[in-house]
């Protein structure tokens, strides 16, 4: 998988920003699509995928419960 994607949940990361989630989503979509920068005719689909993966990442992190961690480090 993408070695540059960092773990975004506690205790590995305490304060996760929208920018952190978007960067991870961008790396994921780049890896899956094989495009670092898509051609103009693929840009809309690429950008939409990044937004959807960012939203899914936020939903996942909000739903996770990590034992022994303080409640929701993102809030």
N, C-alpha and C. Protein backbone atom coordinates (compact mmCIF):
# COMPACT_ATOMS: atom_id res chain seq x y z
N UNK A 1 0.86 -1.18 0.00
CA UNK A 1 0.00 0.00 0.00
C UNK A 1 0.89 1.23 0.00
N UNK A 2 0.32 2.37 0.12
CA UNK A 2 1.07 3.62 0.09
C UNK A 2 1.86 3.79 1.38
N UNK A 3 3.14 3.76 1.27
CA UNK A 3 3.98 3.90 2.46
C UNK A 3 3.97 5.31 3.00
N UNK A 4 3.60 6.29 2.18
CA UNK A 4 3.60 7.67 2.63
C UNK A 4 2.32 8.06 3.35
N UNK A 5 1.32 7.18 3.37
CA UNK A 5 0.10 7.47 4.12
C UNK A 5 0.37 7.16 5.58
N UNK A 6 0.14 8.14 6.44
CA UNK A 6 0.41 7.98 7.86
C UNK A 6 -0.85 7.57 8.60
N UNK A 7 -0.67 6.86 9.69
CA UNK A 7 -1.80 6.49 10.55
C UNK A 7 -2.36 7.77 11.17
N UNK A 8 -3.68 7.93 11.11
CA UNK A 8 -4.29 9.18 11.58
C UNK A 8 -5.11 9.02 12.85
N UNK A 9 -5.00 7.89 13.53
CA UNK A 9 -5.78 7.72 14.76
C UNK A 9 -4.84 7.74 15.97
N UNK A 10 -5.42 8.09 17.12
CA UNK A 10 -4.62 8.04 18.36
C UNK A 10 -4.22 6.60 18.64
N UNK A 11 -3.14 6.33 19.23
CA UNK A 11 -2.15 7.26 19.80
C UNK A 11 -1.09 7.70 18.80
N UNK A 12 -1.18 7.30 17.55
CA UNK A 12 -0.17 7.66 16.56
C UNK A 12 -0.21 9.13 16.20
N UNK A 13 -1.39 9.69 16.13
CA UNK A 13 -1.59 11.10 15.82
C UNK A 13 -2.68 11.64 16.74
N UNK A 14 -2.38 12.69 17.45
CA UNK A 14 -3.36 13.23 18.40
C UNK A 14 -4.29 14.26 17.77
N UNK A 15 -3.78 15.11 16.92
CA UNK A 15 -4.60 16.17 16.33
C UNK A 15 -4.61 16.01 14.81
N UNK A 16 -5.70 15.48 14.28
CA UNK A 16 -5.82 15.26 12.85
C UNK A 16 -6.61 16.41 12.24
N UNK A 17 -6.07 16.99 11.19
CA UNK A 17 -6.75 18.11 10.52
C UNK A 17 -7.40 17.63 9.22
N UNK A 18 -8.23 18.47 8.68
CA UNK A 18 -8.84 18.22 7.36
C UNK A 18 -7.72 18.06 6.32
N UNK A 19 -6.69 18.86 6.46
CA UNK A 19 -5.55 18.80 5.53
C UNK A 19 -4.85 17.44 5.61
N UNK A 20 -4.70 16.89 6.83
CA UNK A 20 -4.10 15.57 7.00
C UNK A 20 -4.93 14.49 6.30
N UNK A 21 -6.24 14.57 6.48
CA UNK A 21 -7.13 13.57 5.87
C UNK A 21 -7.12 13.69 4.35
N UNK A 22 -7.11 14.92 3.85
CA UNK A 22 -7.09 15.14 2.41
C UNK A 22 -5.78 14.65 1.80
N UNK A 23 -4.66 14.89 2.48
CA UNK A 23 -3.37 14.43 1.98
C UNK A 23 -3.33 12.90 1.89
N UNK A 24 -3.87 12.23 2.90
CA UNK A 24 -3.92 10.76 2.88
C UNK A 24 -4.83 10.28 1.75
N UNK A 25 -5.97 10.94 1.58
CA UNK A 25 -6.90 10.57 0.51
C UNK A 25 -6.26 10.77 -0.86
N UNK A 26 -5.55 11.87 -1.03
CA UNK A 26 -4.87 12.15 -2.30
C UNK A 26 -3.84 11.06 -2.61
N UNK A 27 -3.05 10.66 -1.61
CA UNK A 27 -2.06 9.60 -1.81
C UNK A 27 -2.74 8.29 -2.21
N UNK A 28 -3.84 7.99 -1.53
CA UNK A 28 -4.58 6.76 -1.83
C UNK A 28 -5.10 6.77 -3.27
N UNK A 29 -5.75 7.85 -3.67
CA UNK A 29 -6.32 7.94 -5.02
C UNK A 29 -5.21 7.92 -6.07
N UNK A 30 -4.09 8.57 -5.79
CA UNK A 30 -2.96 8.50 -6.72
C UNK A 30 -2.49 7.07 -6.91
N UNK A 31 -2.38 6.35 -5.82
CA UNK A 31 -1.89 4.97 -5.88
C UNK A 31 -2.87 4.08 -6.65
N UNK A 32 -4.15 4.19 -6.32
CA UNK A 32 -5.16 3.35 -6.95
C UNK A 32 -5.31 3.66 -8.44
N UNK A 33 -5.31 4.95 -8.79
CA UNK A 33 -5.52 5.34 -10.19
C UNK A 33 -4.27 5.20 -11.04
N UNK A 34 -3.11 5.27 -10.41
CA UNK A 34 -1.87 5.24 -11.18
C UNK A 34 -1.50 6.60 -11.75
N UNK A 35 -2.24 7.63 -11.37
CA UNK A 35 -1.97 9.00 -11.84
C UNK A 35 -1.47 9.86 -10.70
N UNK A 36 -0.37 10.54 -10.93
CA UNK A 36 0.05 11.55 -9.96
C UNK A 36 -0.78 12.80 -10.19
N UNK A 37 -0.95 13.13 -11.47
CA UNK A 37 -1.77 14.27 -11.86
C UNK A 37 -2.56 13.81 -13.08
N UNK A 38 -3.88 13.66 -12.96
CA UNK A 38 -4.65 13.12 -14.08
C UNK A 38 -4.78 14.11 -15.24
N UNK A 39 -5.02 13.57 -16.41
CA UNK A 39 -5.30 14.40 -17.58
C UNK A 39 -6.61 15.15 -17.36
N UNK A 40 -6.79 16.21 -18.09
CA UNK A 40 -7.98 17.06 -17.92
C UNK A 40 -9.28 16.26 -18.00
N UNK A 41 -9.35 15.28 -18.89
CA UNK A 41 -10.59 14.51 -19.04
C UNK A 41 -10.84 13.57 -17.86
N UNK A 42 -9.85 13.36 -17.00
CA UNK A 42 -10.03 12.53 -15.80
C UNK A 42 -10.02 13.34 -14.51
N UNK A 43 -9.77 14.62 -14.59
CA UNK A 43 -9.60 15.45 -13.40
C UNK A 43 -10.84 15.47 -12.51
N UNK A 44 -12.02 15.56 -13.09
CA UNK A 44 -13.24 15.62 -12.29
C UNK A 44 -13.43 14.33 -11.49
N UNK A 45 -13.27 13.20 -12.13
CA UNK A 45 -13.42 11.91 -11.44
C UNK A 45 -12.36 11.76 -10.35
N UNK A 46 -11.13 12.17 -10.64
CA UNK A 46 -10.02 12.09 -9.68
C UNK A 46 -10.31 12.96 -8.46
N UNK A 47 -10.69 14.22 -8.70
CA UNK A 47 -10.99 15.15 -7.60
C UNK A 47 -12.17 14.68 -6.76
N UNK A 48 -13.20 14.15 -7.42
CA UNK A 48 -14.36 13.63 -6.71
C UNK A 48 -13.96 12.46 -5.81
N UNK A 49 -13.10 11.59 -6.32
CA UNK A 49 -12.63 10.45 -5.54
C UNK A 49 -11.86 10.93 -4.30
N UNK A 50 -11.02 11.94 -4.46
CA UNK A 50 -10.27 12.48 -3.32
C UNK A 50 -11.24 13.01 -2.27
N UNK A 51 -12.25 13.74 -2.69
CA UNK A 51 -13.24 14.28 -1.74
C UNK A 51 -14.00 13.16 -1.03
N UNK A 52 -14.40 12.14 -1.78
CA UNK A 52 -15.15 11.03 -1.18
C UNK A 52 -14.30 10.23 -0.20
N UNK A 53 -13.03 10.01 -0.54
CA UNK A 53 -12.14 9.29 0.37
C UNK A 53 -11.85 10.14 1.61
N UNK A 54 -11.73 11.44 1.43
CA UNK A 54 -11.54 12.34 2.58
C UNK A 54 -12.74 12.23 3.52
N UNK A 55 -13.94 12.28 2.97
CA UNK A 55 -15.15 12.18 3.79
C UNK A 55 -15.24 10.83 4.49
N UNK A 56 -14.91 9.76 3.78
CA UNK A 56 -14.93 8.42 4.38
C UNK A 56 -13.90 8.32 5.50
N UNK A 57 -12.76 8.94 5.31
CA UNK A 57 -11.72 8.95 6.35
C UNK A 57 -12.21 9.67 7.59
N UNK A 58 -12.84 10.81 7.41
CA UNK A 58 -13.38 11.57 8.55
C UNK A 58 -14.45 10.75 9.27
N UNK A 59 -15.33 10.11 8.52
CA UNK A 59 -16.38 9.28 9.13
C UNK A 59 -15.76 8.13 9.92
N UNK A 60 -14.77 7.48 9.35
CA UNK A 60 -14.11 6.38 10.04
C UNK A 60 -13.45 6.85 11.33
N UNK A 61 -12.67 7.91 11.26
CA UNK A 61 -11.97 8.39 12.45
C UNK A 61 -12.95 8.84 13.54
N UNK A 62 -14.06 9.44 13.13
CA UNK A 62 -15.08 9.86 14.11
C UNK A 62 -15.75 8.67 14.78
N UNK A 63 -15.84 7.55 14.09
CA UNK A 63 -16.54 6.38 14.62
C UNK A 63 -15.64 5.45 15.44
N UNK A 64 -14.33 5.57 15.29
CA UNK A 64 -13.42 4.67 16.00
C UNK A 64 -13.36 4.99 17.49
N UNK A 65 -13.26 3.95 18.28
CA UNK A 65 -13.02 4.07 19.71
C UNK A 65 -11.71 3.36 19.99
N UNK A 66 -10.76 4.11 20.54
CA UNK A 66 -9.45 3.54 20.84
C UNK A 66 -9.36 3.38 22.35
N UNK A 67 -9.17 2.15 22.77
CA UNK A 67 -9.08 1.88 24.21
C UNK A 67 -7.91 2.62 24.82
N UNK A 68 -8.16 3.21 25.98
CA UNK A 68 -7.11 3.90 26.72
C UNK A 68 -6.81 5.29 26.20
N UNK A 69 -7.44 5.72 25.14
CA UNK A 69 -7.20 7.06 24.61
C UNK A 69 -8.26 8.01 25.14
N UNK A 70 -7.90 9.26 25.24
CA UNK A 70 -8.88 10.29 25.64
C UNK A 70 -9.96 10.34 24.56
N UNK A 71 -11.15 10.77 24.92
CA UNK A 71 -12.24 10.80 23.94
C UNK A 71 -11.92 11.74 22.79
N UNK A 72 -12.22 11.28 21.61
CA UNK A 72 -12.07 11.97 20.33
C UNK A 72 -11.03 13.08 20.33
N UNK A 73 -9.83 12.76 19.90
CA UNK A 73 -8.74 13.72 19.84
C UNK A 73 -8.97 14.77 18.78
N UNK A 74 -9.88 14.53 17.82
CA UNK A 74 -10.12 15.49 16.73
C UNK A 74 -11.06 16.60 17.12
N UNK A 75 -11.76 16.48 18.17
CA UNK A 75 -12.75 17.50 18.53
C UNK A 75 -12.20 18.54 19.44
